[in-house]
Amino acid sequence: NRVRLNFETSFTGKDLLRTRLQAGNFNNTFNQSGPTRTNMTRLAYDD
């Protein structure tokens, strides 16, 4: 899983101040330290 909470603040209606909280449980999932032994198999959202 991966969870992202974006607090998007606008002071003029056109600008953006982004503050993001993130959590995930990717512990050696398909990376070089895991069973596949290569980073080429990493998932796009591996955070």
All heavy atoms as atom14 arrays in JSON, in Angstrom:
{
  "sequence": "NRVRLNFETSFTGKDLLRTRLQAGNFNNTFNQSGPTRTNMTRLAYDD",
  "atom14_mask": [
    [1, 1, 1, 1, 1, 1, 1, 1, 0, 0, 0, 0, 0, 0],
    [1, 1, 1, 1, 1, 1, 1, 1, 1, 1, 1, 0, 0, 0],
    [1, 1, 1, 1, 1, 1, 1, 0, 0, 0, 0, 0, 0, 0],
    [1, 1, 1, 1, 1, 1, 1, 1, 1, 1, 1, 0, 0, 0],
    [1, 1, 1, 1, 1, 1, 1, 1, 0, 0, 0, 0, 0, 0],
    [1, 1, 1, 1, 1, 1, 1, 1, 0, 0, 0, 0, 0, 0],
    [1, 1, 1, 1, 1, 1, 1, 1, 1, 1, 1, 0, 0, 0],
    [1, 1, 1, 1, 1, 1, 1, 1, 1, 0, 0, 0, 0, 0],
    [1, 1, 1, 1, 1, 1, 1, 0, 0, 0, 0, 0, 0, 0],
    [1, 1, 1, 1, 1, 1, 0, 0, 0, 0, 0, 0, 0, 0],
    [1, 1, 1, 1, 1, 1, 1, 1, 1, 1, 1, 0, 0, 0],
    [1, 1, 1, 1, 1, 1, 1, 0, 0, 0, 0, 0, 0, 0],
    [1, 1, 1, 1, 0, 0, 0, 0, 0, 0, 0, 0, 0, 0],
    [1, 1, 1, 1, 1, 1, 1, 1, 1, 0, 0, 0, 0, 0],
    [1, 1, 1, 1, 1, 1, 1, 1, 0, 0, 0, 0, 0, 0],
    [1, 1, 1, 1, 1, 1, 1, 1, 0, 0, 0, 0, 0, 0],
    [1, 1, 1, 1, 1, 1, 1, 1, 0, 0, 0, 0, 0, 0],
    [1, 1, 1, 1, 1, 1, 1, 1, 1, 1, 1, 0, 0, 0],
    [1, 1, 1, 1, 1, 1, 1, 0, 0, 0, 0, 0, 0, 0],
    [1, 1, 1, 1, 1, 1, 1, 1, 1, 1, 1, 0, 0, 0],
    [1, 1, 1, 1, 1, 1, 1, 1, 0, 0, 0, 0, 0, 0],
    [1, 1, 1, 1, 1, 1, 1, 1, 1, 0, 0, 0, 0, 0],
    [1, 1, 1, 1, 1, 0, 0, 0, 0, 0, 0, 0, 0, 0],
    [1, 1, 1, 1, 0, 0, 0, 0, 0, 0, 0, 0, 0, 0],
    [1, 1, 1, 1, 1, 1, 1, 1, 0, 0, 0, 0, 0, 0],
    [1, 1, 1, 1, 1, 1, 1, 1, 1, 1, 1, 0, 0, 0],
    [1, 1, 1, 1, 1, 1, 1, 1, 0, 0, 0, 0, 0, 0],
    [1, 1, 1, 1, 1, 1, 1, 1, 0, 0, 0, 0, 0, 0],
    [1, 1, 1, 1, 1, 1, 1, 0, 0, 0, 0, 0, 0, 0],
    [1, 1, 1, 1, 1, 1, 1, 1, 1, 1, 1, 0, 0, 0],
    [1, 1, 1, 1, 1, 1, 1, 1, 0, 0, 0, 0, 0, 0],
    [1, 1, 1, 1, 1, 1, 1, 1, 1, 0, 0, 0, 0, 0],
    [1, 1, 1, 1, 1, 1, 0, 0, 0, 0, 0, 0, 0, 0],
    [1, 1, 1, 1, 0, 0, 0, 0, 0, 0, 0, 0, 0, 0],
    [1, 1, 1, 1, 1, 1, 1, 0, 0, 0, 0, 0, 0, 0],
    [1, 1, 1, 1, 1, 1, 1, 0, 0, 0, 0, 0, 0, 0],
    [1, 1, 1, 1, 1, 1, 1, 1, 1, 1, 1, 0, 0, 0],
    [1, 1, 1, 1, 1, 1, 1, 0, 0, 0, 0, 0, 0, 0],
    [1, 1, 1, 1, 1, 1, 1, 1, 0, 0, 0, 0, 0, 0],
    [1, 1, 1, 1, 1, 1, 1, 1, 0, 0, 0, 0, 0, 0],
    [1, 1, 1, 1, 1, 1, 1, 0, 0, 0, 0, 0, 0, 0],
    [1, 1, 1, 1, 1, 1, 1, 1, 1, 1, 1, 0, 0, 0],
    [1, 1, 1, 1, 1, 1, 1, 1, 0, 0, 0, 0, 0, 0],
    [1, 1, 1, 1, 1, 0, 0, 0, 0, 0, 0, 0, 0, 0],
    [1, 1, 1, 1, 1, 1, 1, 1, 1, 1, 1, 1, 0, 0],
    [1, 1, 1, 1, 1, 1, 1, 1, 0, 0, 0, 0, 0, 0],
    [1, 1, 1, 1, 1, 1, 1, 1, 0, 0, 0, 0, 0, 0]
  ],
  "atom14_positions": [
    [[0.83, -1.2, 0.0], [0.0, 0.0, 0.0], [0.86, 1.24, 0.0], [2.02, 1.2, 0.43], [-0.94, 0.02, 1.22], [-0.18, 0.28, 2.52], [0.1, 1.42, 2.87], [0.16, -0.78, 3.24], [0.0, 0.0, 0.0], [0.0, 0.0, 0.0], [0.0, 0.0, 0.0], [0.0, 0.0, 0.0], [0.0, 0.0, 0.0], [0.0, 0.0, 0.0]],
    [[0.29, 2.31, -0.5], [0.9, 3.64, -0.39], [-0.2, 4.65, -0.18], [-1.22, 4.64, -0.88], [1.69, 4.0, -1.65], [2.51, 5.29, -1.48], [3.17, 5.74, -2.77], [2.19, 6.29, -3.7], [2.48, 6.73, -4.93], [3.72, 6.63, -5.37], [1.54, 7.23, -5.72], [0.0, 0.0, 0.0], [0.0, 0.0, 0.0], [0.0, 0.0, 0.0]],
    [[-0.01, 5.53, 0.79], [-1.0, 6.56, 1.13], [-0.35, 7.92, 0.98], [0.74, 8.16, 1.51], [-1.53, 6.38, 2.57], [-2.54, 7.47, 2.9], [-2.15, 5.0, 2.75], [0.0, 0.0, 0.0], [0.0, 0.0, 0.0], [0.0, 0.0, 0.0], [0.0, 0.0, 0.0], [0.0, 0.0, 0.0], [0.0, 0.0, 0.0], [0.0, 0.0, 0.0]],
    [[-1.01, 8.81, 0.26], [-0.55, 10.19, 0.12], [-1.69, 11.14, 0.47], [-2.8, 11.02, -0.07], [-0.07, 10.47, -1.3], [1.29, 9.86, -1.62], [1.72, 10.15, -3.05], [3.12, 9.82, -3.25], [3.76, 9.94, -4.4], [3.12, 10.39, -5.48], [5.03, 9.62, -4.51], [0.0, 0.0, 0.0], [0.0, 0.0, 0.0], [0.0, 0.0, 0.0]],
    [[-1.41, 12.07, 1.37], [-2.35, 13.12, 1.72], [-1.72, 14.45, 1.33], [-0.72, 14.87, 1.92], [-2.66, 13.1, 3.22], [-3.28, 11.81, 3.76], [-3.5, 11.92, 5.28], [-4.61, 11.5, 3.06], [0.0, 0.0, 0.0], [0.0, 0.0, 0.0], [0.0, 0.0, 0.0], [0.0, 0.0, 0.0], [0.0, 0.0, 0.0], [0.0, 0.0, 0.0]],
    [[-2.3, 15.11, 0.33], [-1.79, 16.38, -0.17], [-2.62, 17.53, 0.39], [-3.83, 17.6, 0.16], [-1.85, 16.42, -1.7], [-0.91, 15.43, -2.34], [0.16, 15.17, -1.84], [-1.33, 14.85, -3.46], [0.0, 0.0, 0.0], [0.0, 0.0, 0.0], [0.0, 0.0, 0.0], [0.0, 0.0, 0.0], [0.0, 0.0, 0.0], [0.0, 0.0, 0.0]],
    [[-1.98, 18.41, 1.12], [-2.61, 19.65, 1.57], [-2.23, 20.73, 0.56], [-1.08, 21.19, 0.53], [-2.13, 20.01, 2.98], [-2.53, 18.99, 4.01], [-1.68, 17.93, 4.31], [-3.74, 19.07, 4.67], [-2.04, 16.98, 5.24], [-4.12, 18.14, 5.62], [-3.26, 17.08, 5.9], [0.0, 0.0, 0.0], [0.0, 0.0, 0.0], [0.0, 0.0, 0.0]],
    [[-3.18, 21.12, -0.28], [-2.92, 22.04, -1.38], [-3.51, 23.41, -1.04], [-4.72, 23.58, -0.98], [-3.49, 21.48, -2.68], [-2.85, 20.14, -3.05], [-3.25, 19.65, -4.42], [-4.24, 20.19, -4.97], [-2.6, 18.72, -4.93], [0.0, 0.0, 0.0], [0.0, 0.0, 0.0], [0.0, 0.0, 0.0], [0.0, 0.0, 0.0], [0.0, 0.0, 0.0]],
    [[-2.61, 24.36, -0.84], [-2.99, 25.69, -0.4], [-2.8, 26.69, -1.54], [-1.79, 26.66, -2.23], [-2.12, 26.12, 0.8], [-2.26, 25.17, 1.85], [-2.54, 27.49, 1.31], [0.0, 0.0, 0.0], [0.0, 0.0, 0.0], [0.0, 0.0, 0.0], [0.0, 0.0, 0.0], [0.0, 0.0, 0.0], [0.0, 0.0, 0.0], [0.0, 0.0, 0.0]],
    [[-3.79, 27.54, -1.72], [-3.7, 28.61, -2.72], [-4.03, 29.94, -2.06], [-5.04, 30.07, -1.36], [-4.68, 28.34, -3.88], [-4.59, 29.37, -4.84], [0.0, 0.0, 0.0], [0.0, 0.0, 0.0], [0.0, 0.0, 0.0], [0.0, 0.0, 0.0], [0.0, 0.0, 0.0], [0.0, 0.0, 0.0], [0.0, 0.0, 0.0], [0.0, 0.0, 0.0]],
    [[-3.16, 30.91, -2.27], [-3.35, 32.23, -1.68], [-3.98, 33.2, -2.67], [-4.57, 34.21, -2.26], [-2.01, 32.77, -1.19], [-1.31, 31.87, -0.21], [-0.28, 31.04, -0.63], [-1.7, 31.83, 1.11], [0.37, 30.2, 0.25], [-1.06, 30.99, 2.02], [-0.03, 30.17, 1.58], [0.0, 0.0, 0.0], [0.0, 0.0, 0.0], [0.0, 0.0, 0.0]],
    [[-3.86, 32.93, -3.96], [-4.4, 33.81, -4.99], [-5.45, 33.13, -5.86], [-6.08, 33.78, -6.67], [-3.27, 34.34, -5.89], [-2.71, 33.24, -6.64], [-2.19, 35.01, -5.07], [0.0, 0.0, 0.0], [0.0, 0.0, 0.0], [0.0, 0.0, 0.0], [0.0, 0.0, 0.0], [0.0, 0.0, 0.0], [0.0, 0.0, 0.0], [0.0, 0.0, 0.0]],
    [[-5.6, 31.82, -5.71], [-6.48, 31.06, -6.59], [-5.77, 30.45, -7.77], [-6.31, 29.58, -8.45], [0.0, 0.0, 0.0], [0.0, 0.0, 0.0], [0.0, 0.0, 0.0], [0.0, 0.0, 0.0], [0.0, 0.0, 0.0], [0.0, 0.0, 0.0], [0.0, 0.0, 0.0], [0.0, 0.0, 0.0], [0.0, 0.0, 0.0], [0.0, 0.0, 0.0]],
    [[-4.52, 30.87, -8.03], [-3.74, 30.35, -9.15], [-2.43, 29.7, -8.7], [-1.87, 28.9, -9.43], [-3.43, 31.47, -10.16], [-4.68, 32.05, -10.81], [-4.31, 33.14, -11.81], [-5.55, 33.7, -12.49], [-5.22, 34.78, -13.46], [0.0, 0.0, 0.0], [0.0, 0.0, 0.0], [0.0, 0.0, 0.0], [0.0, 0.0, 0.0], [0.0, 0.0, 0.0]],
    [[-1.93, 30.07, -7.52], [-0.69, 29.48, -7.03], [-0.99, 28.2, -6.26], [-2.15, 27.85, -6.02], [0.06, 30.49, -6.16], [-0.77, 30.91, -4.95], [-2.0, 30.69, -4.95], [-0.18, 31.46, -4.0], [0.0, 0.0, 0.0], [0.0, 0.0, 0.0], [0.0, 0.0, 0.0], [0.0, 0.0, 0.0], [0.0, 0.0, 0.0], [0.0, 0.0, 0.0]],
    [[0.07, 27.49, -5.85], [-0.09, 26.23, -5.13], [1.07, 26.03, -4.17], [2.23, 26.05, -4.57], [-0.14, 25.05, -6.11], [-0.1, 23.65, -5.48], [-1.38, 23.39, -4.69], [0.1, 22.58, -6.55], [0.0, 0.0, 0.0], [0.0, 0.0, 0.0], [0.0, 0.0, 0.0], [0.0, 0.0, 0.0], [0.0, 0.0, 0.0], [0.0, 0.0, 0.0]],
    [[0.76, 25.83, -2.9], [1.7, 25.38, -1.9], [1.29, 23.96, -1.52], [0.22, 23.75, -0.95], [1.69, 26.28, -0.66], [2.5, 25.78, 0.54], [3.98, 25.73, 0.2], [2.26, 26.66, 1.77], [0.0, 0.0, 0.0], [0.0, 0.0, 0.0], [0.0, 0.0, 0.0], [0.0, 0.0, 0.0], [0.0, 0.0, 0.0], [0.0, 0.0, 0.0]],
    [[2.13, 22.99, -1.86], [1.79, 21.59, -1.59], [2.62, 21.05, -0.43], [3.85, 21.14, -0.43], [2.03, 20.71, -2.81], [1.9, 19.2, -2.51], [1.97, 18.35, -3.74], [0.76, 18.49, -4.54], [0.6, 17.92, -5.74], [1.6, 17.2, -6.27], [-0.52, 18.08, -6.4], [0.0, 0.0, 0.0], [0.0, 0.0, 0.0], [0.0, 0.0, 0.0]],
    [[1.92, 20.49, 0.54], [2.54, 19.77, 1.65], [1.98, 18.36, 1.64], [0.77, 18.18, 1.77], [2.24, 20.46, 2.99], [2.64, 21.83, 2.94], [2.97, 19.75, 4.12], [0.0, 0.0, 0.0], [0.0, 0.0, 0.0], [0.0, 0.0, 0.0], [0.0, 0.0, 0.0], [0.0, 0.0, 0.0], [0.0, 0.0, 0.0], [0.0, 0.0, 0.0]],
    [[2.85, 17.38, 1.47], [2.38, 15.99, 1.34], [2.87, 15.13, 2.49], [4.05, 15.14, 2.82], [2.86, 15.4, 0.02], [2.59, 13.88, -0.12], [3.17, 13.32, -1.39], [2.4, 13.76, -2.56], [2.8, 13.61, -3.81], [3.99, 13.05, -4.06], [2.06, 14.04, -4.8], [0.0, 0.0, 0.0], [0.0, 0.0, 0.0], [0.0, 0.0, 0.0]],
    [[1.93, 14.36, 3.06], [2.26, 13.3, 4.0], [2.17, 11.98, 3.26], [1.2, 11.74, 2.54], [1.32, 13.32, 5.2], [1.28, 14.6, 6.03], [0.3, 14.44, 7.19], [2.66, 14.96, 6.55], [0.0, 0.0, 0.0], [0.0, 0.0, 0.0], [0.0, 0.0, 0.0], [0.0, 0.0, 0.0], [0.0, 0.0, 0.0], [0.0, 0.0, 0.0]],
    [[3.16, 11.1, 3.47], [3.2, 9.84, 2.73], [3.6, 8.7, 3.64], [4.41, 8.85, 4.55], [4.19, 9.93, 1.57], [4.37, 8.62, 0.8], [5.27, 8.78, -0.4], [4.86, 9.21, -1.46], [6.54, 8.43, -0.23], [0.0, 0.0, 0.0], [0.0, 0.0, 0.0], [0.0, 0.0, 0.0], [0.0, 0.0, 0.0], [0.0, 0.0, 0.0]],
    [[2.99, 7.54, 3.39], [3.37, 6.31, 4.08], [3.21, 5.15, 3.11], [2.34, 5.15, 2.24], [2.5, 6.09, 5.32], [0.0, 0.0, 0.0], [0.0, 0.0, 0.0], [0.0, 0.0, 0.0], [0.0, 0.0, 0.0], [0.0, 0.0, 0.0], [0.0, 0.0, 0.0], [0.0, 0.0, 0.0], [0.0, 0.0, 0.0], [0.0, 0.0, 0.0]],
    [[4.06, 4.13, 3.25], [3.99, 2.94, 2.4], [4.68, 1.78, 3.08], [5.41, 1.94, 4.06], [0.0, 0.0, 0.0], [0.0, 0.0, 0.0], [0.0, 0.0, 0.0], [0.0, 0.0, 0.0], [0.0, 0.0, 0.0], [0.0, 0.0, 0.0], [0.0, 0.0, 0.0], [0.0, 0.0, 0.0], [0.0, 0.0, 0.0], [0.0, 0.0, 0.0]],
    [[4.46, 0.57, 2.56], [5.06, -0.62, 3.17], [5.87, -1.43, 2.16], [5.79, -2.66, 2.1], [3.98, -1.5, 3.8], [3.06, -2.15, 2.77], [2.95, -1.69, 1.64], [2.39, -3.22, 3.17], [0.0, 0.0, 0.0], [0.0, 0.0, 0.0], [0.0, 0.0, 0.0], [0.0, 0.0, 0.0], [0.0, 0.0, 0.0], [0.0, 0.0, 0.0]],
    [[6.67, -0.74, 1.35], [7.49, -1.41, 0.34], [8.86, -1.74, 0.94], [9.76, -0.91, 0.96], [7.64, -0.52, -0.9], [6.35, -0.33, -1.63], [5.48, 0.68, -1.27], [6.0, -1.16, -2.68], [4.29, 0.87, -1.94], [4.8, -0.98, -3.35], [3.94, 0.03, -2.99], [0.0, 0.0, 0.0], [0.0, 0.0, 0.0], [0.0, 0.0, 0.0]],
    [[8.99, -2.96, 1.44], [10.23, -3.41, 2.06], [10.9, -4.42, 1.14], [10.56, -5.61, 1.14], [9.95, -4.02, 3.43], [9.3, -3.02, 4.37], [9.68, -1.86, 4.4], [8.3, -3.46, 5.12], [0.0, 0.0, 0.0], [0.0, 0.0, 0.0], [0.0, 0.0, 0.0], [0.0, 0.0, 0.0], [0.0, 0.0, 0.0], [0.0, 0.0, 0.0]],
    [[11.83, -3.94, 0.3], [12.54, -4.79, -0.66], [11.58, -5.51, -1.62], [11.75, -6.69, -1.93], [13.41, -5.82, 0.07], [14.48, -5.16, 0.91], [14.97, -4.09, 0.58], [14.83, -5.8, 2.01], [0.0, 0.0, 0.0], [0.0, 0.0, 0.0], [0.0, 0.0, 0.0], [0.0, 0.0, 0.0], [0.0, 0.0, 0.0], [0.0, 0.0, 0.0]],
    [[10.54, -4.79, -2.05], [9.57, -5.37, -2.97], [10.11, -5.3, -4.4], [10.16, -4.23, -5.0], [8.22, -4.62, -2.88], [7.77, -4.67, -1.52], [7.18, -5.27, -3.77], [0.0, 0.0, 0.0], [0.0, 0.0, 0.0], [0.0, 0.0, 0.0], [0.0, 0.0, 0.0], [0.0, 0.0, 0.0], [0.0, 0.0, 0.0], [0.0, 0.0, 0.0]],
    [[10.51, -6.43, -4.96], [10.99, -6.53, -6.34], [12.15, -5.59, -6.63], [12.23, -5.01, -7.71], [9.85, -6.3, -7.33], [8.67, -7.2, -7.1], [7.39, -6.69, -7.0], [8.84, -8.56, -6.97], [6.31, -7.52, -6.79], [7.76, -9.4, -6.75], [6.49, -8.89, -6.65], [0.0, 0.0, 0.0], [0.0, 0.0, 0.0], [0.0, 0.0, 0.0]],
    [[13.04, -5.4, -5.67], [14.23, -4.6, -5.94], [15.47, -5.46, -5.76], [15.39, -6.68, -5.53], [14.27, -3.35, -5.06], [14.4, -3.67, -3.58], [14.71, -4.79, -3.2], [14.16, -2.69, -2.73], [0.0, 0.0, 0.0], [0.0, 0.0, 0.0], [0.0, 0.0, 0.0], [0.0, 0.0, 0.0], [0.0, 0.0, 0.0], [0.0, 0.0, 0.0]],
    [[16.63, -4.85, -5.86], [17.88, -5.59, -5.86], [18.11, -6.34, -4.55], [18.75, -7.41, -4.54], [19.05, -4.63, -6.11], [20.41, -5.31, -6.2], [21.5, -4.32, -6.54], [21.34, -3.51, -7.44], [22.59, -4.38, -5.8], [0.0, 0.0, 0.0], [0.0, 0.0, 0.0], [0.0, 0.0, 0.0], [0.0, 0.0, 0.0], [0.0, 0.0, 0.0]],
    [[17.57, -5.83, -3.45], [17.75, -6.48, -2.16], [16.72, -7.58, -1.92], [16.82, -8.31, -0.93], [17.66, -5.46, -1.03], [18.67, -4.47, -1.17], [0.0, 0.0, 0.0], [0.0, 0.0, 0.0], [0.0, 0.0, 0.0], [0.0, 0.0, 0.0], [0.0, 0.0, 0.0], [0.0, 0.0, 0.0], [0.0, 0.0, 0.0], [0.0, 0.0, 0.0]],
    [[15.74, -7.7, -2.81], [14.7, -8.7, -2.66], [14.97, -9.94, -3.48], [16.04, -10.1, -4.08], [0.0, 0.0, 0.0], [0.0, 0.0, 0.0], [0.0, 0.0, 0.0], [0.0, 0.0, 0.0], [0.0, 0.0, 0.0], [0.0, 0.0, 0.0], [0.0, 0.0, 0.0], [0.0, 0.0, 0.0], [0.0, 0.0, 0.0], [0.0, 0.0, 0.0]],
    [[13.99, -10.85, -3.57], [14.19, -12.13, -4.26], [14.49, -12.02, -5.75], [15.15, -12.89, -6.31], [12.87, -12.87, -4.01], [12.32, -12.26, -2.77], [12.71, -10.82, -2.85], [0.0, 0.0, 0.0], [0.0, 0.0, 0.0], [0.0, 0.0, 0.0], [0.0, 0.0, 0.0], [0.0, 0.0, 0.0], [0.0, 0.0, 0.0], [0.0, 0.0, 0.0]],
    [[14.03, -10.97, -6.45], [14.32, -10.87, -7.88], [15.75, -10.46, -8.15], [16.26, -10.64, -9.26], [13.38, -9.85, -8.57], [13.63, -8.55, -8.03], [11.92, -10.24, -8.39], [0.0, 0.0, 0.0], [0.0, 0.0, 0.0], [0.0, 0.0, 0.0], [0.0, 0.0, 0.0], [0.0, 0.0, 0.0], [0.0, 0.0, 0.0], [0.0, 0.0, 0.0]],
    [[16.43, -9.85, -7.16], [17.84, -9.48, -7.22], [18.13, -8.41, -8.28], [19.25, -8.28, -8.74], [18.72, -10.7, -7.47], [18.63, -11.77, -6.39], [19.14, -11.29, -5.06], [20.54, -10.93, -5.1], [21.55, -11.8, -4.89], [21.28, -13.05, -4.64], [22.79, -11.39, -4.92], [0.0, 0.0, 0.0], [0.0, 0.0, 0.0], [0.0, 0.0, 0.0]],
    [[17.12, -7.62, -8.68], [17.36, -6.56, -9.65], [16.4, -5.41, -9.42], [15.23, -5.62, -9.06], [17.2, -7.07, -11.09], [17.35, -5.96, -12.0], [15.85, -7.72, -11.32], [0.0, 0.0, 0.0], [0.0, 0.0, 0.0], [0.0, 0.0, 0.0], [0.0, 0.0, 0.0], [0.0, 0.0, 0.0], [0.0, 0.0, 0.0], [0.0, 0.0, 0.0]],
    [[16.89, -4.17, -9.62], [16.05, -2.98, -9.51], [15.2, -2.75, -10.76], [14.33, -1.88, -10.76], [16.91, -1.75, -9.26], [17.47, -1.72, -7.85], [16.8, -2.09, -6.9], [18.72, -1.3, -7.71], [0.0, 0.0, 0.0], [0.0, 0.0, 0.0], [0.0, 0.0, 0.0], [0.0, 0.0, 0.0], [0.0, 0.0, 0.0], [0.0, 0.0, 0.0]],
    [[15.46, -3.49, -11.83], [14.67, -3.32, -13.05], [13.22, -3.75, -12.85], [12.36, -3.37, -13.64], [15.29, -4.12, -14.19], [16.71, -3.72, -14.53], [17.37, -4.67, -15.9], [19.14, -4.44, -15.66], [0.0, 0.0, 0.0], [0.0, 0.0, 0.0], [0.0, 0.0, 0.0], [0.0, 0.0, 0.0], [0.0, 0.0, 0.0], [0.0, 0.0, 0.0]],
    [[12.95, -4.55, -11.81], [11.59, -5.03, -11.57], [10.83, -4.17, -10.57], [9.73, -4.53, -10.15], [11.63, -6.48, -11.06], [12.51, -6.56, -9.92], [12.12, -7.42, -12.15], [0.0, 0.0, 0.0], [0.0, 0.0, 0.0], [0.0, 0.0, 0.0], [0.0, 0.0, 0.0], [0.0, 0.0, 0.0], [0.0, 0.0, 0.0], [0.0, 0.0, 0.0]],
    [[11.37, -3.03, -10.16], [10.71, -2.19, -9.15], [9.38, -1.65, -9.66], [9.22, -1.32, -10.83], [11.62, -1.03, -8.75], [12.86, -1.46, -8.0], [13.71, -0.26, -7.62], [13.04, 0.58, -6.63], [13.58, 1.69, -6.13], [14.79, 2.09, -6.55], [12.93, 2.39, -5.25], [0.0, 0.0, 0.0], [0.0, 0.0, 0.0], [0.0, 0.0, 0.0]],
    [[8.44, -1.53, -8.74], [7.14, -0.96, -9.05], [7.24, 0.56, -9.13], [8.06, 1.19, -8.46], [6.12, -1.36, -7.97], [5.8, -2.86, -7.89], [5.14, -3.18, -6.56], [4.91, -3.28, -9.04], [0.0, 0.0, 0.0], [0.0, 0.0, 0.0], [0.0, 0.0, 0.0], [0.0, 0.0, 0.0], [0.0, 0.0, 0.0], [0.0, 0.0, 0.0]],
    [[6.36, 1.16, -9.93], [6.4, 2.61, -10.14], [6.1, 3.39, -8.87], [6.58, 4.51, -8.7], [5.41, 2.99, -11.24], [0.0, 0.0, 0.0], [0.0, 0.0, 0.0], [0.0, 0.0, 0.0], [0.0, 0.0, 0.0], [0.0, 0.0, 0.0], [0.0, 0.0, 0.0], [0.0, 0.0, 0.0], [0.0, 0.0, 0.0], [0.0, 0.0, 0.0]],
    [[5.31, 2.81, -7.99], [4.85, 3.51, -6.77], [5.56, 2.96, -5.54], [5.03, 3.01, -4.43], [3.33, 3.36, -6.63], [2.83, 1.97, -6.98], [2.64, 1.0, -6.0], [2.57, 1.63, -8.3], [2.2, -0.26, -6.33], [2.12, 0.36, -8.64], [1.94, -0.58, -7.65], [1.52, -1.84, -7.97], [0.0, 0.0, 0.0], [0.0, 0.0, 0.0]],
    [[6.77, 2.46, -5.72], [7.57, 1.89, -4.65], [8.12, 3.02, -3.77], [9.26, 3.46, -3.93], [8.71, 1.07, -5.26], [9.68, 0.52, -4.22], [9.44, 0.73, -3.03], [10.66, -0.12, -4.62], [0.0, 0.0, 0.0], [0.0, 0.0, 0.0], [0.0, 0.0, 0.0], [0.0, 0.0, 0.0], [0.0, 0.0, 0.0], [0.0, 0.0, 0.0]],
    [[7.29, 3.51, -2.84], [7.68, 4.61, -1.94], [7.19, 4.29, -0.53], [6.05, 3.88, -0.34], [7.07, 5.94, -2.38], [7.72, 6.51, -3.62], [8.96, 6.5, -3.67], [7.0, 6.93, -4.53], [0.0, 0.0, 0.0], [0.0, 0.0, 0.0], [0.0, 0.0, 0.0], [0.0, 0.0, 0.0], [0.0, 0.0, 0.0], [0.0, 0.0, 0.0]]
  ]
}
